[in-house]
N, C-alpha and C. Protein backbone atom coordinates (compact mmCIF):
# COMPACT_ATOMS: atom_id res chain seq x y z
N UNK A 1 -113.75 -45.34 65.30
CA UNK A 1 -114.70 -44.23 65.50
C UNK A 1 -114.05 -42.94 64.91
N UNK A 2 -114.82 -42.22 64.16
CA UNK A 2 -114.37 -40.98 63.52
C UNK A 2 -114.44 -39.88 64.56
N UNK A 3 -113.32 -39.09 64.63
CA UNK A 3 -113.35 -37.94 65.56
C UNK A 3 -114.41 -36.92 65.15
N UNK A 4 -114.87 -36.14 66.16
CA UNK A 4 -115.91 -35.13 65.79
C UNK A 4 -115.29 -33.96 65.04
N UNK A 5 -116.13 -33.33 64.26
CA UNK A 5 -115.75 -32.13 63.52
C UNK A 5 -116.44 -30.93 64.20
N UNK A 6 -115.58 -30.13 64.88
CA UNK A 6 -116.16 -28.99 65.63
C UNK A 6 -116.44 -27.88 64.62
N UNK A 7 -117.68 -27.42 64.58
CA UNK A 7 -118.06 -26.35 63.66
C UNK A 7 -118.86 -25.28 64.39
N UNK A 8 -118.66 -24.02 63.90
CA UNK A 8 -119.55 -22.97 64.40
C UNK A 8 -120.81 -23.08 63.61
N UNK A 9 -121.94 -22.48 64.09
CA UNK A 9 -123.21 -22.53 63.31
C UNK A 9 -123.02 -21.95 61.91
N UNK A 10 -122.19 -20.88 61.80
CA UNK A 10 -121.95 -20.30 60.45
C UNK A 10 -121.19 -21.27 59.56
N UNK A 11 -120.19 -21.96 60.14
CA UNK A 11 -119.43 -22.94 59.38
C UNK A 11 -120.31 -24.11 58.93
N UNK A 12 -121.18 -24.55 59.78
CA UNK A 12 -122.08 -25.61 59.40
C UNK A 12 -122.99 -25.18 58.24
N UNK A 13 -123.56 -23.95 58.34
CA UNK A 13 -124.42 -23.43 57.30
C UNK A 13 -123.68 -23.29 55.97
N UNK A 14 -122.43 -22.85 56.01
CA UNK A 14 -121.59 -22.68 54.80
C UNK A 14 -121.39 -24.05 54.15
N UNK A 15 -121.03 -25.10 54.94
CA UNK A 15 -120.81 -26.39 54.37
C UNK A 15 -122.09 -27.00 53.83
N UNK A 16 -123.20 -26.77 54.52
CA UNK A 16 -124.51 -27.29 54.09
C UNK A 16 -124.89 -26.65 52.75
N UNK A 17 -124.64 -25.32 52.66
CA UNK A 17 -124.98 -24.64 51.35
C UNK A 17 -124.06 -25.18 50.21
N UNK A 18 -122.80 -25.41 50.48
CA UNK A 18 -121.93 -25.99 49.48
C UNK A 18 -122.41 -27.38 49.06
N UNK A 19 -122.82 -28.15 50.02
CA UNK A 19 -123.32 -29.50 49.72
C UNK A 19 -124.54 -29.45 48.84
N UNK A 20 -125.48 -28.58 49.15
CA UNK A 20 -126.70 -28.43 48.36
C UNK A 20 -126.36 -27.97 46.91
N UNK A 21 -125.41 -27.05 46.78
CA UNK A 21 -125.00 -26.58 45.49
C UNK A 21 -124.41 -27.71 44.65
N UNK A 22 -123.54 -28.51 45.31
CA UNK A 22 -122.87 -29.63 44.60
C UNK A 22 -123.89 -30.69 44.19
N UNK A 23 -124.81 -31.02 45.10
CA UNK A 23 -125.79 -32.06 44.83
C UNK A 23 -126.85 -31.69 43.83
N UNK A 24 -127.07 -30.35 43.70
CA UNK A 24 -128.13 -29.84 42.83
C UNK A 24 -127.55 -29.36 41.51
N UNK A 25 -127.33 -28.03 41.40
CA UNK A 25 -126.92 -27.44 40.10
C UNK A 25 -125.63 -27.97 39.55
N UNK A 26 -124.63 -28.16 40.39
CA UNK A 26 -123.32 -28.61 39.92
C UNK A 26 -123.40 -30.03 39.36
N UNK A 27 -124.15 -30.93 40.05
CA UNK A 27 -124.29 -32.27 39.55
C UNK A 27 -125.06 -32.30 38.21
N UNK A 28 -126.09 -31.48 38.13
CA UNK A 28 -126.90 -31.41 36.93
C UNK A 28 -126.11 -30.90 35.76
N UNK A 29 -125.30 -29.84 35.99
CA UNK A 29 -124.42 -29.32 34.92
C UNK A 29 -123.47 -30.39 34.42
N UNK A 30 -122.90 -31.12 35.36
CA UNK A 30 -121.94 -32.16 34.99
C UNK A 30 -122.61 -33.33 34.20
N UNK A 31 -123.82 -33.68 34.59
CA UNK A 31 -124.50 -34.73 33.84
C UNK A 31 -124.82 -34.28 32.41
N UNK A 32 -125.13 -33.01 32.25
CA UNK A 32 -125.38 -32.47 30.90
C UNK A 32 -124.11 -32.47 30.08
N UNK A 33 -122.94 -32.13 30.74
CA UNK A 33 -121.68 -32.18 30.02
C UNK A 33 -121.31 -33.60 29.60
N UNK A 34 -121.61 -34.55 30.48
CA UNK A 34 -121.35 -35.97 30.15
C UNK A 34 -122.21 -36.47 28.99
N UNK A 35 -123.49 -36.13 29.04
CA UNK A 35 -124.39 -36.52 27.97
C UNK A 35 -123.92 -35.95 26.63
N UNK A 36 -123.57 -34.69 26.64
CA UNK A 36 -123.09 -34.01 25.43
C UNK A 36 -121.81 -34.72 24.90
N UNK A 37 -120.89 -35.02 25.78
CA UNK A 37 -119.62 -35.64 25.37
C UNK A 37 -119.87 -37.05 24.84
N UNK A 38 -120.79 -37.80 25.46
CA UNK A 38 -121.08 -39.17 24.98
C UNK A 38 -121.72 -39.13 23.60
N UNK A 39 -122.51 -38.13 23.31
CA UNK A 39 -123.20 -38.03 22.03
C UNK A 39 -122.20 -37.72 20.91
N UNK A 40 -120.96 -37.28 21.27
CA UNK A 40 -119.96 -36.98 20.24
C UNK A 40 -119.39 -38.27 19.62
N UNK A 41 -119.63 -39.38 20.23
CA UNK A 41 -119.14 -40.63 19.63
C UNK A 41 -117.98 -41.24 20.41
N UNK A 42 -116.96 -41.65 19.68
CA UNK A 42 -115.79 -42.42 20.25
C UNK A 42 -115.28 -41.82 21.55
N UNK A 43 -115.52 -42.55 22.65
CA UNK A 43 -115.15 -42.05 23.98
C UNK A 43 -113.64 -42.24 24.28
N UNK A 44 -112.97 -43.13 23.57
CA UNK A 44 -111.58 -43.38 23.91
C UNK A 44 -110.70 -42.19 23.67
N UNK A 45 -111.02 -41.37 22.68
CA UNK A 45 -110.21 -40.19 22.37
C UNK A 45 -110.97 -38.90 22.57
N UNK A 46 -111.96 -38.93 23.44
CA UNK A 46 -112.82 -37.76 23.61
C UNK A 46 -112.35 -37.03 24.89
N UNK A 47 -111.62 -35.91 24.70
CA UNK A 47 -111.05 -35.17 25.85
C UNK A 47 -112.15 -34.60 26.71
N UNK A 48 -113.25 -34.13 26.08
CA UNK A 48 -114.36 -33.55 26.87
C UNK A 48 -114.98 -34.59 27.84
N UNK A 49 -115.08 -35.80 27.34
CA UNK A 49 -115.67 -36.91 28.11
C UNK A 49 -114.75 -37.21 29.29
N UNK A 50 -113.44 -37.33 29.05
CA UNK A 50 -112.46 -37.69 30.08
C UNK A 50 -112.41 -36.59 31.13
N UNK A 51 -112.45 -35.30 30.70
CA UNK A 51 -112.42 -34.19 31.66
C UNK A 51 -113.67 -34.18 32.48
N UNK A 52 -114.84 -34.43 31.89
CA UNK A 52 -116.11 -34.48 32.61
C UNK A 52 -116.09 -35.59 33.61
N UNK A 53 -115.53 -36.77 33.26
CA UNK A 53 -115.46 -37.90 34.23
C UNK A 53 -114.53 -37.56 35.39
N UNK A 54 -113.43 -36.88 35.12
CA UNK A 54 -112.53 -36.40 36.22
C UNK A 54 -113.27 -35.44 37.13
N UNK A 55 -113.96 -34.51 36.52
CA UNK A 55 -114.71 -33.51 37.30
C UNK A 55 -115.80 -34.18 38.12
N UNK A 56 -116.41 -35.21 37.55
CA UNK A 56 -117.47 -35.98 38.26
C UNK A 56 -116.89 -36.66 39.45
N UNK A 57 -115.74 -37.29 39.30
CA UNK A 57 -115.09 -37.98 40.42
C UNK A 57 -114.73 -37.01 41.56
N UNK A 58 -114.24 -35.82 41.16
CA UNK A 58 -113.89 -34.80 42.16
C UNK A 58 -115.16 -34.36 42.88
N UNK A 59 -116.22 -34.07 42.14
CA UNK A 59 -117.48 -33.59 42.72
C UNK A 59 -118.07 -34.60 43.68
N UNK A 60 -118.10 -35.88 43.26
CA UNK A 60 -118.66 -36.96 44.12
C UNK A 60 -117.78 -37.11 45.38
N UNK A 61 -116.48 -37.00 45.24
CA UNK A 61 -115.57 -37.11 46.35
C UNK A 61 -115.81 -35.98 47.37
N UNK A 62 -116.01 -34.76 46.83
CA UNK A 62 -116.25 -33.59 47.71
C UNK A 62 -117.64 -33.75 48.40
N UNK A 63 -118.65 -34.27 47.70
CA UNK A 63 -119.91 -34.50 48.34
C UNK A 63 -119.77 -35.52 49.48
N UNK A 64 -119.06 -36.57 49.25
CA UNK A 64 -118.85 -37.57 50.33
C UNK A 64 -118.12 -36.96 51.53
N UNK A 65 -117.09 -36.10 51.19
CA UNK A 65 -116.31 -35.47 52.26
C UNK A 65 -117.20 -34.55 53.10
N UNK A 66 -118.02 -33.76 52.41
CA UNK A 66 -118.90 -32.83 53.15
C UNK A 66 -119.92 -33.57 53.99
N UNK A 67 -120.48 -34.65 53.40
CA UNK A 67 -121.45 -35.44 54.15
C UNK A 67 -120.85 -36.05 55.41
N UNK A 68 -119.61 -36.51 55.29
CA UNK A 68 -118.96 -37.11 56.45
C UNK A 68 -118.64 -36.04 57.54
N UNK A 69 -118.22 -34.86 57.09
CA UNK A 69 -117.97 -33.75 58.02
C UNK A 69 -119.23 -33.40 58.77
N UNK A 70 -120.35 -33.22 58.00
CA UNK A 70 -121.59 -32.82 58.61
C UNK A 70 -122.16 -33.93 59.52
N UNK A 71 -121.97 -35.18 59.14
CA UNK A 71 -122.50 -36.29 59.90
C UNK A 71 -121.79 -36.36 61.28
N UNK A 72 -120.57 -35.97 61.35
CA UNK A 72 -119.81 -36.03 62.58
C UNK A 72 -119.62 -34.67 63.21
N UNK A 73 -120.49 -33.68 62.83
CA UNK A 73 -120.36 -32.33 63.32
C UNK A 73 -120.79 -32.20 64.73
N UNK A 74 -120.01 -31.46 65.49
CA UNK A 74 -120.37 -31.05 66.88
C UNK A 74 -120.40 -29.53 66.82
N UNK A 75 -121.57 -28.96 67.06
CA UNK A 75 -121.66 -27.50 67.00
C UNK A 75 -121.05 -26.88 68.22
N UNK A 76 -120.28 -25.84 68.01
CA UNK A 76 -119.67 -25.08 69.07
C UNK A 76 -120.80 -24.19 69.60
N UNK A 77 -121.02 -24.24 70.90
CA UNK A 77 -122.13 -23.44 71.47
C UNK A 77 -121.86 -21.97 71.22
N UNK A 78 -122.97 -21.21 71.23
CA UNK A 78 -122.85 -19.78 70.95
C UNK A 78 -122.10 -19.07 72.11
N UNK A 79 -121.57 -17.95 71.76
CA UNK A 79 -120.72 -17.21 72.75
C UNK A 79 -121.44 -16.88 74.05
N UNK A 80 -122.75 -16.60 74.00
CA UNK A 80 -123.47 -16.21 75.22
C UNK A 80 -123.43 -17.27 76.31
N UNK A 81 -123.45 -18.51 75.94
CA UNK A 81 -123.46 -19.56 76.95
C UNK A 81 -122.09 -20.12 77.28
N UNK A 82 -121.06 -19.50 76.72
CA UNK A 82 -119.73 -20.08 76.87
C UNK A 82 -119.08 -19.70 78.21
N UNK A 83 -118.24 -20.58 78.70
CA UNK A 83 -117.43 -20.31 79.87
C UNK A 83 -116.23 -19.48 79.37
N UNK A 84 -116.07 -18.26 79.92
CA UNK A 84 -114.98 -17.37 79.49
C UNK A 84 -113.84 -17.37 80.52
N UNK A 85 -113.85 -18.33 81.43
CA UNK A 85 -112.75 -18.40 82.44
C UNK A 85 -111.50 -19.08 81.77
N UNK A 86 -111.74 -20.04 80.91
CA UNK A 86 -110.61 -20.73 80.24
C UNK A 86 -110.85 -20.80 78.74
N UNK A 87 -109.79 -20.89 78.00
CA UNK A 87 -109.87 -20.98 76.52
C UNK A 87 -110.36 -22.36 76.15
N UNK A 88 -111.40 -22.37 75.26
CA UNK A 88 -111.90 -23.65 74.73
C UNK A 88 -112.29 -23.44 73.26
N UNK A 89 -112.70 -24.50 72.62
CA UNK A 89 -113.11 -24.37 71.21
C UNK A 89 -114.30 -23.41 71.18
N UNK A 90 -114.24 -22.43 70.33
CA UNK A 90 -115.30 -21.42 70.20
C UNK A 90 -114.93 -20.11 70.89
N UNK A 91 -113.90 -20.08 71.71
CA UNK A 91 -113.45 -18.83 72.40
C UNK A 91 -112.89 -17.88 71.42
N UNK A 92 -113.11 -16.61 71.76
CA UNK A 92 -112.35 -15.50 71.11
C UNK A 92 -111.32 -15.06 72.08
N UNK A 93 -110.06 -15.22 71.70
CA UNK A 93 -108.92 -15.04 72.66
C UNK A 93 -108.05 -13.91 72.14
N UNK A 94 -107.78 -12.95 73.03
CA UNK A 94 -106.86 -11.85 72.71
C UNK A 94 -105.53 -12.23 73.40
N UNK A 95 -104.47 -12.22 72.58
CA UNK A 95 -103.12 -12.57 73.09
C UNK A 95 -102.17 -11.42 72.75
N UNK A 96 -101.07 -11.38 73.48
CA UNK A 96 -100.06 -10.39 73.21
C UNK A 96 -98.66 -11.02 73.37
N UNK A 97 -97.88 -10.91 72.31
CA UNK A 97 -96.53 -11.41 72.31
C UNK A 97 -95.54 -10.27 72.50
N UNK A 98 -94.76 -10.34 73.58
CA UNK A 98 -93.75 -9.33 73.90
C UNK A 98 -94.30 -7.91 73.73
N UNK A 99 -93.68 -7.12 72.87
CA UNK A 99 -94.08 -5.73 72.73
C UNK A 99 -94.98 -5.50 71.47
N UNK A 100 -95.43 -6.59 70.84
CA UNK A 100 -96.29 -6.50 69.69
C UNK A 100 -97.70 -6.09 70.08
N UNK A 101 -98.49 -5.59 69.13
CA UNK A 101 -99.86 -5.28 69.40
C UNK A 101 -100.66 -6.53 69.71
N UNK A 102 -101.69 -6.43 70.57
CA UNK A 102 -102.52 -7.63 70.87
C UNK A 102 -103.22 -8.09 69.60
N UNK A 103 -103.45 -9.41 69.52
CA UNK A 103 -104.17 -10.00 68.39
C UNK A 103 -105.28 -10.82 68.94
N UNK A 104 -106.43 -10.86 68.28
CA UNK A 104 -107.56 -11.68 68.70
C UNK A 104 -107.82 -12.79 67.74
N UNK A 105 -108.00 -14.00 68.27
CA UNK A 105 -108.25 -15.19 67.45
C UNK A 105 -109.52 -15.85 67.93
N UNK A 106 -110.21 -16.46 66.95
CA UNK A 106 -111.37 -17.30 67.28
C UNK A 106 -110.88 -18.76 67.15
N UNK A 107 -110.95 -19.52 68.23
CA UNK A 107 -110.51 -20.89 68.24
C UNK A 107 -111.61 -21.76 67.70
N UNK A 108 -111.32 -22.42 66.54
CA UNK A 108 -112.35 -23.25 65.84
C UNK A 108 -111.74 -24.61 65.52
N UNK A 109 -112.59 -25.47 64.91
CA UNK A 109 -112.13 -26.78 64.47
C UNK A 109 -111.29 -26.60 63.19
N UNK A 110 -110.53 -27.64 62.81
CA UNK A 110 -109.65 -27.59 61.65
C UNK A 110 -110.39 -27.32 60.32
N UNK A 111 -111.66 -27.72 60.24
CA UNK A 111 -112.42 -27.50 59.03
C UNK A 111 -112.64 -26.04 58.72
N UNK A 112 -112.74 -25.21 59.75
CA UNK A 112 -113.02 -23.80 59.59
C UNK A 112 -111.81 -22.89 59.76
N UNK A 113 -110.67 -23.47 60.05
CA UNK A 113 -109.44 -22.68 60.31
C UNK A 113 -109.14 -21.78 59.11
N UNK A 114 -108.83 -20.53 59.41
CA UNK A 114 -108.44 -19.52 58.40
C UNK A 114 -107.58 -18.47 59.13
N UNK A 115 -106.33 -18.81 59.37
CA UNK A 115 -105.45 -17.93 60.23
C UNK A 115 -105.39 -16.49 59.73
N UNK A 116 -105.43 -16.27 58.45
CA UNK A 116 -105.36 -14.87 57.93
C UNK A 116 -106.53 -14.06 58.33
N UNK A 117 -107.62 -14.73 58.64
CA UNK A 117 -108.86 -14.03 59.09
C UNK A 117 -109.14 -14.26 60.57
N UNK A 118 -108.08 -14.63 61.31
CA UNK A 118 -108.21 -14.72 62.75
C UNK A 118 -108.92 -15.94 63.29
N UNK A 119 -108.99 -16.96 62.46
CA UNK A 119 -109.68 -18.23 62.88
C UNK A 119 -108.60 -19.32 62.92
N UNK A 120 -108.23 -19.77 64.16
CA UNK A 120 -107.19 -20.75 64.26
C UNK A 120 -107.77 -22.06 64.80
N UNK A 121 -107.22 -23.15 64.32
CA UNK A 121 -107.64 -24.45 64.73
C UNK A 121 -107.09 -24.74 66.16
N UNK A 122 -107.94 -25.42 66.96
CA UNK A 122 -107.47 -25.87 68.27
C UNK A 122 -106.38 -26.90 68.17
N UNK A 123 -106.18 -27.44 66.98
CA UNK A 123 -105.12 -28.46 66.74
C UNK A 123 -103.80 -27.80 66.31
N UNK A 124 -103.83 -26.52 65.93
CA UNK A 124 -102.61 -25.83 65.52
C UNK A 124 -101.68 -25.61 66.69
N UNK A 125 -100.40 -25.33 66.43
CA UNK A 125 -99.52 -25.08 67.58
C UNK A 125 -99.98 -23.96 68.53
N UNK A 126 -100.44 -22.85 68.00
CA UNK A 126 -100.93 -21.77 68.86
C UNK A 126 -102.23 -22.22 69.53
N UNK A 127 -103.11 -22.81 68.74
CA UNK A 127 -104.38 -23.31 69.30
C UNK A 127 -104.15 -24.27 70.49
N UNK A 128 -103.27 -25.22 70.33
CA UNK A 128 -102.99 -26.15 71.39
C UNK A 128 -102.41 -25.44 72.62
N UNK A 129 -101.56 -24.47 72.36
CA UNK A 129 -100.96 -23.73 73.52
C UNK A 129 -102.04 -22.90 74.25
N UNK A 130 -103.06 -22.47 73.55
CA UNK A 130 -104.09 -21.64 74.15
C UNK A 130 -105.11 -22.46 75.00
N UNK A 131 -105.35 -23.70 74.59
CA UNK A 131 -106.42 -24.47 75.20
C UNK A 131 -106.23 -24.58 76.74
N UNK A 132 -107.34 -24.35 77.44
CA UNK A 132 -107.39 -24.46 78.92
C UNK A 132 -106.60 -23.43 79.67
N UNK A 133 -106.12 -22.40 78.96
CA UNK A 133 -105.41 -21.32 79.66
C UNK A 133 -106.40 -20.29 80.15
N UNK A 134 -105.96 -19.48 81.13
CA UNK A 134 -106.80 -18.45 81.68
C UNK A 134 -106.20 -17.08 81.39
N UNK A 135 -106.99 -16.01 81.60
CA UNK A 135 -106.49 -14.68 81.45
C UNK A 135 -105.29 -14.46 82.36
N UNK A 136 -104.22 -13.88 81.82
CA UNK A 136 -103.02 -13.67 82.57
C UNK A 136 -101.96 -14.77 82.43
N UNK A 137 -102.37 -15.95 81.96
CA UNK A 137 -101.46 -17.06 81.74
C UNK A 137 -100.49 -16.78 80.57
N UNK A 138 -99.32 -17.31 80.71
CA UNK A 138 -98.32 -17.23 79.61
C UNK A 138 -98.37 -18.58 78.91
N UNK A 139 -98.52 -18.55 77.54
CA UNK A 139 -98.57 -19.77 76.77
C UNK A 139 -97.30 -19.88 75.91
N UNK A 140 -96.81 -21.10 75.72
CA UNK A 140 -95.67 -21.38 74.88
C UNK A 140 -96.15 -22.21 73.71
N UNK A 141 -96.01 -21.71 72.51
CA UNK A 141 -96.40 -22.42 71.28
C UNK A 141 -95.17 -22.87 70.55
N UNK A 142 -95.05 -24.18 70.35
CA UNK A 142 -93.97 -24.77 69.61
C UNK A 142 -94.32 -24.69 68.10
N UNK A 143 -93.74 -23.73 67.39
CA UNK A 143 -94.03 -23.56 65.96
C UNK A 143 -92.84 -23.93 65.13
N UNK A 144 -93.00 -24.11 63.83
CA UNK A 144 -91.88 -24.45 62.95
C UNK A 144 -90.77 -23.39 63.05
N UNK A 145 -91.12 -22.13 63.35
CA UNK A 145 -90.12 -21.06 63.48
C UNK A 145 -89.54 -20.92 64.85
N UNK A 146 -89.89 -21.86 65.74
CA UNK A 146 -89.38 -21.80 67.10
C UNK A 146 -90.50 -21.60 68.12
N UNK A 147 -90.11 -21.45 69.38
CA UNK A 147 -91.10 -21.30 70.44
C UNK A 147 -91.56 -19.84 70.52
N UNK A 148 -92.85 -19.65 70.59
CA UNK A 148 -93.45 -18.32 70.74
C UNK A 148 -94.09 -18.24 72.10
N UNK A 149 -93.79 -17.21 72.83
CA UNK A 149 -94.43 -17.00 74.15
C UNK A 149 -95.36 -15.81 74.06
N UNK A 150 -96.55 -15.97 74.56
CA UNK A 150 -97.52 -14.90 74.59
C UNK A 150 -98.41 -14.97 75.82
N UNK A 151 -98.97 -13.85 76.14
CA UNK A 151 -99.86 -13.73 77.34
C UNK A 151 -101.28 -13.71 76.88
N UNK A 152 -102.13 -14.37 77.64
CA UNK A 152 -103.60 -14.35 77.38
C UNK A 152 -104.12 -13.02 78.03
N UNK A 153 -104.62 -12.14 77.19
CA UNK A 153 -105.09 -10.85 77.62
C UNK A 153 -106.61 -10.86 77.94
N UNK A 154 -107.35 -11.56 77.07
CA UNK A 154 -108.82 -11.51 77.24
C UNK A 154 -109.44 -12.79 76.60
N UNK A 155 -110.49 -13.32 77.22
CA UNK A 155 -111.23 -14.47 76.66
C UNK A 155 -112.65 -14.08 76.55
N UNK A 156 -113.22 -14.20 75.40
CA UNK A 156 -114.64 -13.92 75.20
C UNK A 156 -115.36 -15.12 74.64
């Protein structure tokens, strides 16, 4: 059984839009490139043909990957209906480490993780440390750089 892919509604819409783009215009452009390369003649030494075939394999692989992600998608409920007593997937969590400024993260599935933009996966070291914690709890995250201790300041 394939594990679920936790997605926010925005993440699902973004992946759906990418899938439509790949299945429509991108696939059509690629088929035109292939037709053009085939018309050039000898395929054994035709670099355009080989590049187009590589691109086609990548495109079809990405389409299959997106379809699998979306097929197993579990939407993270919107914030209004969420339990804000404990950290869960979909929570916006404000944490503070020692004397550093507080930082807010949105806990998401690995498909949407983007740490530089405040979106961390629940499977990441910090994400795992946050799960099921309450405001005021101290969490220990085992990271490659060592253990990080931080306090849960707010859950939204």
